[in-house]
PDB file of N, CA and C in Angstrom:
ATOM      1  N   MET A   1     122.817 -68.497-211.609  1.00  0.00           N
ATOM      2  CA  MET A   1     121.716 -67.756-211.017  1.00  0.00           C
ATOM      3  C   MET A   1     121.853 -66.282-211.390  1.00  0.00           C
ATOM      4  N   ASN A   2     120.768 -65.689-211.798  1.00  0.00           N
ATOM      5  CA  ASN A   2     120.754 -64.276-212.150  1.00  0.00           C
ATOM      6  C   ASN A   2     120.408 -63.465-210.899  1.00  0.00           C
ATOM      7  N   PHE A   3     121.432 -62.858-210.301  1.00  0.00           N
ATOM      8  CA  PHE A   3     121.240 -62.133-209.046  1.00  0.00           C
ATOM      9  C   PHE A   3     120.314 -60.938-209.197  1.00  0.00           C
ATOM     10  N   SER A   4     120.257 -60.355-210.382  1.00  0.00           N
ATOM     11  CA  SER A   4     119.420 -59.174-210.580  1.00  0.00           C
ATOM     12  C   SER A   4     117.937 -59.521-210.652  1.00  0.00           C
ATOM     13  N   SER A   5     117.601 -60.795-210.774  1.00  0.00           N
ATOM     14  CA  SER A   5     116.188 -61.180-210.818  1.00  0.00           C
ATOM     15  C   SER A   5     115.556 -61.183-209.428  1.00  0.00           C
ATOM     16  N   ILE A   6     116.386 -61.136-208.401  1.00  0.00           N
ATOM     17  CA  ILE A   6     115.888 -61.088-207.024  1.00  0.00           C
ATOM     18  C   ILE A   6     115.957 -59.641-206.544  1.00  0.00           C
ATOM     19  N   ASN A   7     114.847 -59.133-206.037  1.00  0.00           N
ATOM     20  CA  ASN A   7     114.759 -57.751-205.590  1.00  0.00           C
ATOM     21  C   ASN A   7     115.819 -57.447-204.531  1.00  0.00           C
ATOM     22  N   TYR A   8     116.361 -56.239-204.585  1.00  0.00           N
ATOM     23  CA  TYR A   8     117.437 -55.856-203.666  1.00  0.00           C
ATOM     24  C   TYR A   8     117.011 -55.932-202.204  1.00  0.00           C
ATOM     25  N   ILE A   9     115.729 -55.717-201.920  1.00  0.00           N
ATOM     26  CA  ILE A   9     115.255 -55.798-200.537  1.00  0.00           C
ATOM     27  C   ILE A   9     115.394 -57.232-200.018  1.00  0.00           C
ATOM     28  N   ILE A  10     115.131 -58.204-200.870  1.00  0.00           N
ATOM     29  CA  ILE A  10     115.298 -59.608-200.470  1.00  0.00           C
ATOM     30  C   ILE A  10     116.763 -59.873-200.128  1.00  0.00           C
ATOM     31  N   TRP A  11     117.676 -59.357-200.962  1.00  0.00           N
ATOM     32  CA  TRP A  11     119.111 -59.525-200.676  1.00  0.00           C
ATOM     33  C   TRP A  11     119.474 -58.879-199.343  1.00  0.00           C
ATOM     34  N   LEU A  12     118.892 -57.709-199.058  1.00  0.00           N
ATOM     35  CA  LEU A  12     119.186 -57.038-197.790  1.00  0.00           C
ATOM     36  C   LEU A  12     118.660 -57.840-196.603  1.00  0.00           C
ATOM     37  N   ILE A  13     117.488 -58.426-196.760  1.00  0.00           N
ATOM     38  CA  ILE A  13     116.935 -59.250-195.684  1.00  0.00           C
ATOM     39  C   ILE A  13     117.810 -60.480-195.461  1.00  0.00           C
ATOM     40  N   ILE A  14     118.236 -61.119-196.541  1.00  0.00           N
ATOM     41  CA  ILE A  14     119.133 -62.276-196.420  1.00  0.00           C
ATOM     42  C   ILE A  14     120.426 -61.872-195.720  1.00  0.00           C
ATOM     43  N   SER A  15     120.982 -60.735-196.135  1.00  0.00           N
ATOM     44  CA  SER A  15     122.214 -60.240-195.519  1.00  0.00           C
ATOM     45  C   SER A  15     122.008 -59.967-194.029  1.00  0.00           C
ATOM     46  N   ALA A  16     120.883 -59.336-193.697  1.00  0.00           N
ATOM     47  CA  ALA A  16     120.595 -59.026-192.297  1.00  0.00           C
ATOM     48  C   ALA A  16     120.408 -60.294-191.470  1.00  0.00           C
ATOM     49  N   ILE A  17     119.831 -61.319-192.072  1.00  0.00           N
ATOM     50  CA  ILE A  17     119.657 -62.585-191.350  1.00  0.00           C
ATOM     51  C   ILE A  17     121.017 -63.212-191.045  1.00  0.00           C
ATOM     52  N   PHE A  18     121.914 -63.196-192.032  1.00  0.00           N
ATOM     53  CA  PHE A  18     123.261 -63.711-191.761  1.00  0.00           C
ATOM     54  C   PHE A  18     123.945 -62.888-190.674  1.00  0.00           C
ATOM     55  N   PHE A  19     123.768 -61.565-190.723  1.00  0.00           N
ATOM     56  CA  PHE A  19     124.329 -60.702-189.691  1.00  0.00           C
ATOM     57  C   PHE A  19     123.748 -61.075-188.326  1.00  0.00           C
ATOM     58  N   ALA A  20     122.434 -61.316-188.292  1.00  0.00           N
ATOM     59  CA  ALA A  20     121.781 -61.687-187.037  1.00  0.00           C
ATOM     60  C   ALA A  20     122.314 -63.012-186.504  1.00  0.00           C
ATOM     61  N   VAL A  21     122.571 -63.953-187.398  1.00  0.00           N
ATOM     62  CA  VAL A  21     123.174 -65.219-186.975  1.00  0.00           C
ATOM     63  C   VAL A  21     124.542 -64.943-186.355  1.00  0.00           C
ATOM     64  N   GLY A  22     125.307 -64.043-186.979  1.00  0.00           N
ATOM     65  CA  GLY A  22     126.598 -63.655-186.417  1.00  0.00           C
ATOM     66  C   GLY A  22     126.454 -63.017-185.042  1.00  0.00           C
ATOM     67  N   GLU A  23     125.424 -62.192-184.875  1.00  0.00           N
ATOM     68  CA  GLU A  23     125.171 -61.563-183.576  1.00  0.00           C
ATOM     69  C   GLU A  23     124.789 -62.615-182.526  1.00  0.00           C
ATOM     70  N   PHE A  24     123.930 -63.547-182.931  1.00  0.00           N
ATOM     71  CA  PHE A  24     123.541 -64.636-182.032  1.00  0.00           C
ATOM     72  C   PHE A  24     124.767 -65.422-181.579  1.00  0.00           C
ATOM     73  N   LEU A  25     125.609 -65.769-182.534  1.00  0.00           N
ATOM     74  CA  LEU A  25     126.813 -66.534-182.206  1.00  0.00           C
ATOM     75  C   LEU A  25     127.783 -65.714-181.358  1.00  0.00           C
ATOM     76  N   SER A  26     127.826 -64.405-181.590  1.00  0.00           N
ATOM     77  CA  SER A  26     128.678 -63.535-180.769  1.00  0.00           C
ATOM     78  C   SER A  26     128.215 -63.537-179.318  1.00  0.00           C
ATOM     79  N   LYS A  27     126.910 -63.494-179.126  1.00  0.00           N
ATOM     80  CA  LYS A  27     126.365 -63.542-177.762  1.00  0.00           C
ATOM     81  C   LYS A  27     126.682 -64.892-177.119  1.00  0.00           C
ATOM     82  N   ARG A  28     126.529 -65.965-177.895  1.00  0.00           N
ATOM     83  CA  ARG A  28     126.871 -67.298-177.377  1.00  0.00           C
ATOM     84  C   ARG A  28     128.351 -67.359-177.002  1.00  0.00           C
ATOM     85  N   PHE A  29     129.195 -66.755-177.840  1.00  0.00           N
ATOM     86  CA  PHE A  29     130.630 -66.710-177.554  1.00  0.00           C
ATOM     87  C   PHE A  29     130.889 -65.950-176.254  1.00  0.00           C
ATOM     88  N   ALA A  30     130.164 -64.840-176.063  1.00  0.00           N
ATOM     89  CA  ALA A  30     130.338 -64.050-174.840  1.00  0.00           C
ATOM     90  C   ALA A  30     129.921 -64.844-173.601  1.00  0.00           C
ATOM     91  N   LEU A  31     128.913 -65.685-173.754  1.00  0.00           N
ATOM     92  CA  LEU A  31     128.441 -66.490-172.628  1.00  0.00           C
ATOM     93  C   LEU A  31     129.326 -67.708-172.372  1.00  0.00           C
ATOM     94  N   SER A  32     129.919 -68.236-173.442  1.00  0.00           N
ATOM     95  CA  SER A  32     130.743 -69.441-173.333  1.00  0.00           C
ATOM     96  C   SER A  32     131.832 -69.393-174.405  1.00  0.00           C
ATOM     97  N   PRO A  33     132.948 -68.710-174.126  1.00  0.00           N
ATOM     98  CA  PRO A  33     133.988 -68.519-175.146  1.00  0.00           C
ATOM     99  C   PRO A  33     134.585 -69.841-175.644  1.00  0.00           C
ATOM    100  N   LYS A  34     134.312 -70.126-176.897  1.00  0.00           N
ATOM    101  CA  LYS A  34     134.887 -71.296-177.562  1.00  0.00           C
ATOM    102  C   LYS A  34     135.338 -70.860-178.946  1.00  0.00           C
ATOM    103  N   PHE A  35     136.487 -71.347-179.362  1.00  0.00           N
ATOM    104  CA  PHE A  35     137.058 -70.927-180.640  1.00  0.00           C
ATOM    105  C   PHE A  35     136.153 -71.266-181.820  1.00  0.00           C
ATOM    106  N   ILE A  36     135.404 -72.345-181.734  1.00  0.00           N
ATOM    107  CA  ILE A  36     134.540 -72.739-182.847  1.00  0.00           C
ATOM    108  C   ILE A  36     133.514 -71.649-183.149  1.00  0.00           C
ATOM    109  N   TYR A  37     133.082 -70.918-182.115  1.00  0.00           N
ATOM    110  CA  TYR A  37     132.151 -69.809-182.340  1.00  0.00           C
ATOM    111  C   TYR A  37     132.782 -68.746-183.233  1.00  0.00           C
ATOM    112  N   VAL A  38     134.059 -68.498-183.045  1.00  0.00           N
ATOM    113  CA  VAL A  38     134.755 -67.496-183.867  1.00  0.00           C
ATOM    114  C   VAL A  38     134.685 -67.890-185.338  1.00  0.00           C
ATOM    115  N   ILE A  39     134.906 -69.152-185.627  1.00  0.00           N
ATOM    116  CA  ILE A  39     134.834 -69.639-187.011  1.00  0.00           C
ATOM    117  C   ILE A  39     133.428 -69.440-187.565  1.00  0.00           C
ATOM    118  N   TYR A  40     132.420 -69.849-186.796  1.00  0.00           N
ATOM    119  CA  TYR A  40     131.029 -69.700-187.244  1.00  0.00           C
ATOM    120  C   TYR A  40     130.651 -68.234-187.432  1.00  0.00           C
ATOM    121  N   ILE A  41     131.124 -67.382-186.537  1.00  0.00           N
ATOM    122  CA  ILE A  41     130.843 -65.946-186.635  1.00  0.00           C
ATOM    123  C   ILE A  41     131.422 -65.383-187.928  1.00  0.00           C
ATOM    124  N   LEU A  42     132.662 -65.727-188.226  1.00  0.00           N
ATOM    125  CA  LEU A  42     133.292 -65.249-189.460  1.00  0.00           C
ATOM    126  C   LEU A  42     132.541 -65.736-190.699  1.00  0.00           C
ATOM    127  N   ILE A  43     132.084 -66.967-190.674  1.00  0.00           N
ATOM    128  CA  ILE A  43     131.319 -67.503-191.806  1.00  0.00           C
ATOM    129  C   ILE A  43     130.003 -66.744-191.966  1.00  0.00           C
ATOM    130  N   ALA A  44     129.296 -66.521-190.861  1.00  0.00           N
ATOM    131  CA  ALA A  44     128.006 -65.826-190.924  1.00  0.00           C
ATOM    132  C   ALA A  44     128.170 -64.401-191.440  1.00  0.00           C
ATOM    133  N   TYR A  45     129.135 -63.666-190.891  1.00  0.00           N
ATOM    134  CA  TYR A  45     129.340 -62.294-191.337  1.00  0.00           C
ATOM    135  C   TYR A  45     129.799 -62.238-192.799  1.00  0.00           C
ATOM    136  N   SER A  46     130.633 -63.172-193.207  1.00  0.00           N
ATOM    137  CA  SER A  46     131.089 -63.213-194.605  1.00  0.00           C
ATOM    138  C   SER A  46     129.923 -63.484-195.549  1.00  0.00           C
ATOM    139  N   ALA A  47     129.048 -64.397-195.172  1.00  0.00           N
ATOM    140  CA  ALA A  47     127.872 -64.679-195.996  1.00  0.00           C
ATOM    141  C   ALA A  47     126.977 -63.444-196.081  1.00  0.00           C
ATOM    142  N   GLY A  48     126.881 -62.697-194.989  1.00  0.00           N
ATOM    143  CA  GLY A  48     126.100 -61.459-194.995  1.00  0.00           C
ATOM    144  C   GLY A  48     126.652 -60.441-195.970  1.00  0.00           C
ATOM    145  N   VAL A  49     127.963 -60.326-196.021  1.00  0.00           N
ATOM    146  CA  VAL A  49     128.599 -59.405-196.971  1.00  0.00           C
ATOM    147  C   VAL A  49     128.326 -59.855-198.403  1.00  0.00           C
ATOM    148  N   LEU A  50     128.420 -61.147-198.645  1.00  0.00           N
ATOM    149  CA  LEU A  50     128.168 -61.660-199.993  1.00  0.00           C
ATOM    150  C   LEU A  50     126.722 -61.418-200.427  1.00  0.00           C
ATOM    151  N   ALA A  51     125.780 -61.465-199.496  1.00  0.00           N
ATOM    152  CA  ALA A  51     124.385 -61.174-199.828  1.00  0.00           C
ATOM    153  C   ALA A  51     124.159 -59.677-200.023  1.00  0.00           C
ATOM    154  N   TRP A  52     124.987 -58.858-199.401  1.00  0.00           N
ATOM    155  CA  TRP A  52     124.898 -57.401-199.538  1.00  0.00           C
ATOM    156  C   TRP A  52     125.288 -56.949-200.946  1.00  0.00           C
ATOM    157  N   LEU A  53     126.271 -57.600-201.522  1.00  0.00           N
ATOM    158  CA  LEU A  53     126.819 -57.146-202.803  1.00  0.00           C
ATOM    159  C   LEU A  53     125.798 -57.093-203.934  1.00  0.00           C
ATOM    160  N   PRO A  54     124.940 -58.111-204.132  1.00  0.00           N
ATOM    161  CA  PRO A  54     123.933 -57.985-205.196  1.00  0.00           C
ATOM    162  C   PRO A  54     122.944 -56.848-204.934  1.00  0.00           C
ATOM    163  N   ALA A  55     122.674 -56.552-203.662  1.00  0.00           N
ATOM    164  CA  ALA A  55     121.744 -55.467-203.335  1.00  0.00           C
ATOM    165  C   ALA A  55     122.319 -54.124-203.758  1.00  0.00           C
ATOM    166  N   ILE A  56     123.563 -53.859-203.404  1.00  0.00           N
ATOM    167  CA  ILE A  56     124.162 -52.573-203.765  1.00  0.00           C
ATOM    168  C   ILE A  56     124.402 -52.501-205.268  1.00  0.00           C
ATOM    169  N   LEU A  57     124.711 -53.623-205.881  1.00  0.00           N
ATOM    170  CA  LEU A  57     124.890 -53.654-207.331  1.00  0.00           C
ATOM    171  C   LEU A  57     123.582 -53.326-208.040  1.00  0.00           C
ATOM    172  N   GLN A  58     122.488 -53.858-207.544  1.00  0.00           N
ATOM    173  CA  GLN A  58     121.191 -53.662-208.185  1.00  0.00           C
ATOM    174  C   GLN A  58     120.654 -52.251-207.974  1.00  0.00           C
ATOM    175  N   LYS A  59     120.678 -51.760-206.755  1.00  0.00           N
ATOM    176  CA  LYS A  59     120.085 -50.455-206.434  1.00  0.00           C
ATOM    177  C   LYS A  59     121.066 -49.314-206.681  1.00  0.00           C
ATOM    178  N   ASN A  60     122.341 -49.530-206.370  1.00  0.00           N
ATOM    179  CA  ASN A  60     123.414 -48.556-206.584  1.00  0.00           C
ATOM    180  C   ASN A  60     123.144 -47.208-205.918  1.00  0.00           C
ATOM    181  N   GLN A  61     122.522 -47.235-204.753  1.00  0.00           N
ATOM    182  CA  GLN A  61     122.327 -46.028-203.948  1.00  0.00           C
ATOM    183  C   GLN A  61     122.702 -46.374-202.510  1.00  0.00           C
ATOM    184  N   LEU A  62     123.935 -46.084-202.171  1.00  0.00           N
ATOM    185  CA  LEU A  62     124.456 -46.447-200.859  1.00  0.00           C
ATOM    186  C   LEU A  62     123.621 -45.857-199.730  1.00  0.00           C
ATOM    187  N   SER A  63     123.153 -44.631-199.900  1.00  0.00           N
ATOM    188  CA  SER A  63     122.391 -43.989-198.830  1.00  0.00           C
ATOM    189  C   SER A  63     121.115 -44.760-198.502  1.00  0.00           C
ATOM    190  N   ILE A  64     120.454 -45.293-199.494  1.00  0.00           N
ATOM    191  CA  ILE A  64     119.223 -46.050-199.260  1.00  0.00           C
ATOM    192  C   ILE A  64     119.538 -47.483-198.849  1.00  0.00           C
ATOM    193  N   VAL A  65     120.370 -48.153-199.619  1.00  0.00           N
ATOM    194  CA  VAL A  65     120.678 -49.563-199.358  1.00  0.00           C
ATOM    195  C   VAL A  65     121.361 -49.717-197.999  1.00  0.00           C
ATOM    196  N   GLY A  66     122.310 -48.854-197.711  1.00  0.00           N
ATOM    197  CA  GLY A  66     123.021 -48.933-196.436  1.00  0.00           C
ATOM    198  C   GLY A  66     122.113 -48.688-195.247  1.00  0.00           C
ATOM    199  N   THR A  67     121.229 -47.712-195.377  1.00  0.00           N
ATOM    200  CA  THR A  67     120.308 -47.419-194.279  1.00  0.00           C
ATOM    201  C   THR A  67     119.314 -48.552-194.084  1.00  0.00           C
ATOM    202  N   LEU A  68     118.769 -49.071-195.182  1.00  0.00           N
ATOM    203  CA  LEU A  68     117.844 -50.204-195.063  1.00  0.00           C
ATOM    204  C   LEU A  68     118.533 -51.399-194.416  1.00  0.00           C
ATOM    205  N   TRP A  69     119.763 -51.676-194.840  1.00  0.00           N
ATOM    206  CA  TRP A  69     120.494 -52.801-194.244  1.00  0.00           C
ATOM    207  C   TRP A  69     120.687 -52.580-192.747  1.00  0.00           C
ATOM    208  N   SER A  70     121.029 -51.357-192.374  1.00  0.00           N
ATOM    209  CA  SER A  70     121.233 -51.048-190.954  1.00  0.00           C
ATOM    210  C   SER A  70     119.956 -51.278-190.152  1.00  0.00           C
ATOM    211  N   VAL A  71     118.832 -50.850-190.710  1.00  0.00           N
ATOM    212  CA  VAL A  71     117.562 -51.016-190.006  1.00  0.00           C
ATOM    213  C   VAL A  71     117.186 -52.494-189.913  1.00  0.00           C
ATOM    214  N   PHE A  72     117.305 -53.231-191.025  1.00  0.00           N
ATOM    215  CA  PHE A  72     117.006 -54.670-190.995  1.00  0.00           C
ATOM    216  C   PHE A  72     117.904 -55.386-189.984  1.00  0.00           C
ATOM    217  N   SER A  73     119.173 -55.048-189.979  1.00  0.00           N
ATOM    218  CA  SER A  73     120.118 -55.679-189.052  1.00  0.00           C
ATOM    219  C   SER A  73     119.783 -55.326-187.609  1.00  0.00           C
ATOM    220  N   LEU A  74     119.436 -54.080-187.388  1.00  0.00           N
ATOM    221  CA  LEU A  74     119.040 -53.634-186.054  1.00  0.00           C
ATOM    222  C   LEU A  74     117.827 -54.419-185.564  1.00  0.00           C
ATOM    223  N   LEU A  75     116.826 -54.538-186.421  1.00  0.00           N
ATOM    224  CA  LEU A  75     115.605 -55.233-186.020  1.00  0.00           C
ATOM    225  C   LEU A  75     115.851 -56.716-185.751  1.00  0.00           C
ATOM    226  N   THR A  76     116.642 -57.357-186.592  1.00  0.00           N
ATOM    227  CA  THR A  76     116.912 -58.780-186.362  1.00  0.00           C
ATOM    228  C   THR A  76     117.735 -58.982-185.087  1.00  0.00           C
ATOM    229  N   THR A  77     118.656 -58.081-184.828  1.00  0.00           N
ATOM    230  CA  THR A  77     119.456 -58.170-183.601  1.00  0.00           C
ATOM    231  C   THR A  77     118.576 -57.980-182.366  1.00  0.00           C
ATOM    232  N   ILE A  78     117.659 -57.033-182.433  1.00  0.00           N
ATOM    233  CA  ILE A  78     116.737 -56.814-181.315  1.00  0.00           C
ATOM    234  C   ILE A  78     115.877 -58.051-181.085  1.00  0.00           C
ATOM    235  N   LEU A  79     115.353 -58.620-182.174  1.00  0.00           N
ATOM    236  CA  LEU A  79     114.528 -59.827-182.042  1.00  0.00           C
ATOM    237  C   LEU A  79     115.295 -60.964-181.376  1.00  0.00           C
ATOM    238  N   ILE A  80     116.526 -61.151-181.777  1.00  0.00           N
ATOM    239  CA  ILE A  80     117.342 -62.208-181.169  1.00  0.00           C
ATOM    240  C   ILE A  80     117.555 -61.940-179.683  1.00  0.00           C
ATOM    241  N   GLY A  81     117.904 -60.709-179.349  1.00  0.00           N
ATOM    242  CA  GLY A  81     118.128 -60.375-177.944  1.00  0.00           C
ATOM    243  C   GLY A  81     116.889 -60.582-177.093  1.00  0.00           C
ATOM    244  N   VAL A  82     115.751 -60.130-177.603  1.00  0.00           N
ATOM    245  CA  VAL A  82     114.509 -60.210-176.834  1.00  0.00           C
ATOM    246  C   VAL A  82     113.957 -61.634-176.799  1.00  0.00           C
ATOM    247  N   LEU A  83     113.881 -62.282-177.963  1.00  0.00           N
ATOM    248  CA  LEU A  83     113.229 -63.590-178.036  1.00  0.00           C
ATOM    249  C   LEU A  83     114.108 -64.751-177.573  1.00  0.00           C
ATOM    250  N   LEU A  84     115.387 -64.700-177.889  1.00  0.00           N
ATOM    251  CA  LEU A  84     116.250 -65.841-177.578  1.00  0.00           C
ATOM    252  C   LEU A  84     117.049 -65.684-176.287  1.00  0.00           C
ATOM    253  N   PHE A  85     117.348 -64.428-175.924  1.00  0.00           N
ATOM    254  CA  PHE A  85     118.161 -64.212-174.731  1.00  0.00           C
ATOM    255  C   PHE A  85     117.400 -63.476-173.625  1.00  0.00           C
ATOM    256  N   ASN A  86     116.089 -63.312-173.812  1.00  0.00           N
ATOM    257  CA  ASN A  86     115.210 -62.701-172.806  1.00  0.00           C
ATOM    258  C   ASN A  86     115.672 -61.321-172.353  1.00  0.00           C
ATOM    259  N   GLU A  87     116.257 -60.561-173.259  1.00  0.00           N
ATOM    260  CA  GLU A  87     116.633 -59.190-172.933  1.00  0.00           C
ATOM    261  C   GLU A  87     115.378 -58.313-172.986  1.00  0.00           C
ATOM    262  N   LYS A  88     115.361 -57.280-172.197  1.00  0.00           N
ATOM    263  CA  LYS A  88     114.183 -56.414-172.095  1.00  0.00           C
ATOM    264  C   LYS A  88     114.384 -55.136-172.905  1.00  0.00           C
ATOM    265  N   LEU A  89     113.270 -54.624-173.452  1.00  0.00           N
ATOM    266  CA  LEU A  89     113.283 -53.356-174.175  1.00  0.00           C
ATOM    267  C   LEU A  89     112.585 -52.289-173.340  1.00  0.00           C
ATOM    268  N   SER A  90     113.148 -51.103-173.328  1.00  0.00           N
ATOM    269  CA  SER A  90     112.500 -49.984-172.653  1.00  0.00           C
ATOM    270  C   SER A  90     111.442 -49.390-173.588  1.00  0.00           C
ATOM    271  N   LEU A  91     110.640 -48.503-173.058  1.00  0.00           N
ATOM    272  CA  LEU A  91     109.648 -47.810-173.881  1.00  0.00           C
ATOM    273  C   LEU A  91     110.340 -47.035-174.997  1.00  0.00           C
ATOM    274  N   THR A  92     111.463 -46.427-174.673  1.00  0.00           N
ATOM    275  CA  THR A  92     112.231 -45.703-175.685  1.00  0.00           C
ATOM    276  C   THR A  92     112.689 -46.649-176.788  1.00  0.00           C
ATOM    277  N   GLY A  93     113.111 -47.840-176.424  1.00  0.00           N
ATOM    278  CA  GLY A  93     113.524 -48.831-177.412  1.00  0.00           C
ATOM    279  C   GLY A  93     112.375 -49.241-178.318  1.00  0.00           C
ATOM    280  N   ILE A  94     111.199 -49.402-177.743  1.00  0.00           N
ATOM    281  CA  ILE A  94     110.020 -49.771-178.534  1.00  0.00           C
ATOM    282  C   ILE A  94     109.663 -48.659-179.510  1.00  0.00           C
ATOM    283  N   VAL A  95     109.716 -47.416-179.054  1.00  0.00           N
ATOM    284  CA  VAL A  95     109.460 -46.280-179.948  1.00  0.00           C
ATOM    285  C   VAL A  95     110.493 -46.258-181.070  1.00  0.00           C
ATOM    286  N   GLY A  96     111.733 -46.545-180.743  1.00  0.00           N
ATOM    287  CA  GLY A  96     112.782 -46.609-181.763  1.00  0.00           C
ATOM    288  C   GLY A  96     112.500 -47.663-182.810  1.00  0.00           C
ATOM    289  N   ILE A  97     111.973 -48.803-182.393  1.00  0.00           N
ATOM    290  CA  ILE A  97     111.626 -49.862-183.344  1.00  0.00           C
ATOM    291  C   ILE A  97     110.503 -49.401-184.269  1.00  0.00           C
ATOM    292  N   ILE A  98     109.530 -48.698-183.719  1.00  0.00           N
ATOM    293  CA  ILE A  98     108.448 -48.162-184.555  1.00  0.00           C
ATOM    294  C   ILE A  98     109.023 -47.210-185.598  1.00  0.00           C
ATOM    295  N   PHE A  99     109.928 -46.342-185.187  1.00  0.00           N
ATOM    296  CA  PHE A  99     110.572 -45.433-186.142  1.00  0.00           C
ATOM    297  C   PHE A  99     111.375 -46.205-187.186  1.00  0.00           C
ATOM    298  N   ALA A 100     111.968 -47.311-186.781  1.00  0.00           N
ATOM    299  CA  ALA A 100     112.723 -48.137-187.733  1.00  0.00           C
ATOM    300  C   ALA A 100     111.800 -48.679-188.818  1.00  0.00           C
ATOM    301  N   PHE A 101     110.613 -49.123-188.431  1.00  0.00           N
ATOM    302  CA  PHE A 101     109.654 -49.602-189.430  1.00  0.00           C
ATOM    303  C   PHE A 101     109.217 -48.478-190.364  1.00  0.00           C
ATOM    304  N   VAL A 102     109.014 -47.292-189.804  1.00  0.00           N
ATOM    305  CA  VAL A 102     108.671 -46.135-190.642  1.00  0.00           C
ATOM    306  C   VAL A 102     109.804 -45.852-191.623  1.00  0.00           C
ATOM    307  N   ALA A 103     111.042 -45.937-191.158  1.00  0.00           N
ATOM    308  CA  ALA A 103     112.199 -45.717-192.037  1.00  0.00           C
ATOM    309  C   ALA A 103     112.225 -46.733-193.172  1.00  0.00           C
ATOM    310  N   ILE A 104     111.938 -47.982-192.866  1.00  0.00           N
ATOM    311  CA  ILE A 104     111.920 -49.011-193.913  1.00  0.00           C
ATOM    312  C   ILE A 104     110.883 -48.669-194.976  1.00  0.00           C
ATOM    313  N   ILE A 105     109.699 -48.280-194.539  1.00  0.00           N
ATOM    314  CA  ILE A 105     108.634 -47.946-195.491  1.00  0.00           C
ATOM    315  C   ILE A 105     109.034 -46.755-196.349  1.00  0.00           C
ATOM    316  N   LEU A 106     109.530 -45.705-195.727  1.00  0.00           N
ATOM    317  CA  LEU A 106     109.896 -44.499-196.475  1.00  0.00           C
ATOM    318  C   LEU A 106     111.055 -44.741-197.434  1.00  0.00           C
ATOM    319  N   LEU A 107     112.078 -45.437-196.979  1.00  0.00           N
ATOM    320  CA  LEU A 107     113.252 -45.655-197.822  1.00  0.00           C
ATOM    321  C   LEU A 107     112.987 -46.645-198.950  1.00  0.00           C
ATOM    322  N   SER A 108     112.131 -47.610-198.723  1.00  0.00           N
ATOM    323  CA  SER A 108     111.857 -48.575-199.788  1.00  0.00           C
ATOM    324  C   SER A 108     111.025 -47.951-200.899  1.00  0.00           C
ATOM    325  N   LYS A 109     110.354 -46.865-200.612  1.00  0.00           N
ATOM    326  CA  LYS A 109     109.596 -46.149-201.643  1.00  0.00           C
ATOM    327  C   LYS A 109     110.490 -45.199-202.433  1.00  0.00           C
ATOM    328  N   GLY A 110     111.643 -44.824-201.839  1.00  0.00           N
ATOM    329  CA  GLY A 110     112.531 -43.840-202.462  1.00  0.00           C
ATOM    330  C   GLY A 110     113.453 -44.451-203.345  1.00  0.00           C
TER     331      GLY A 110
END
């Protein structure tokens, strides 16, 4: 597979999804500590790192790639907390999410 044929943003989204799976499993572990969750968490986070590598290799700008990854990971983590664990967002949190989307748009153009 030619990793450079897939846009770096796709790699970042894939990486963020694996990170989000790790976050989901971490929350499950916190609710019901079982060793098997630790194994799954390590696998999810490791897969996220592996998906990150083609993105940084392709774009080679840590400031942009790292920030985009942080925003994607933040958004996926928020979605998991709100949708799957019924956590609530404050108005400030919602404004922060809007700014995160603005950051994605601005950084993906740069």
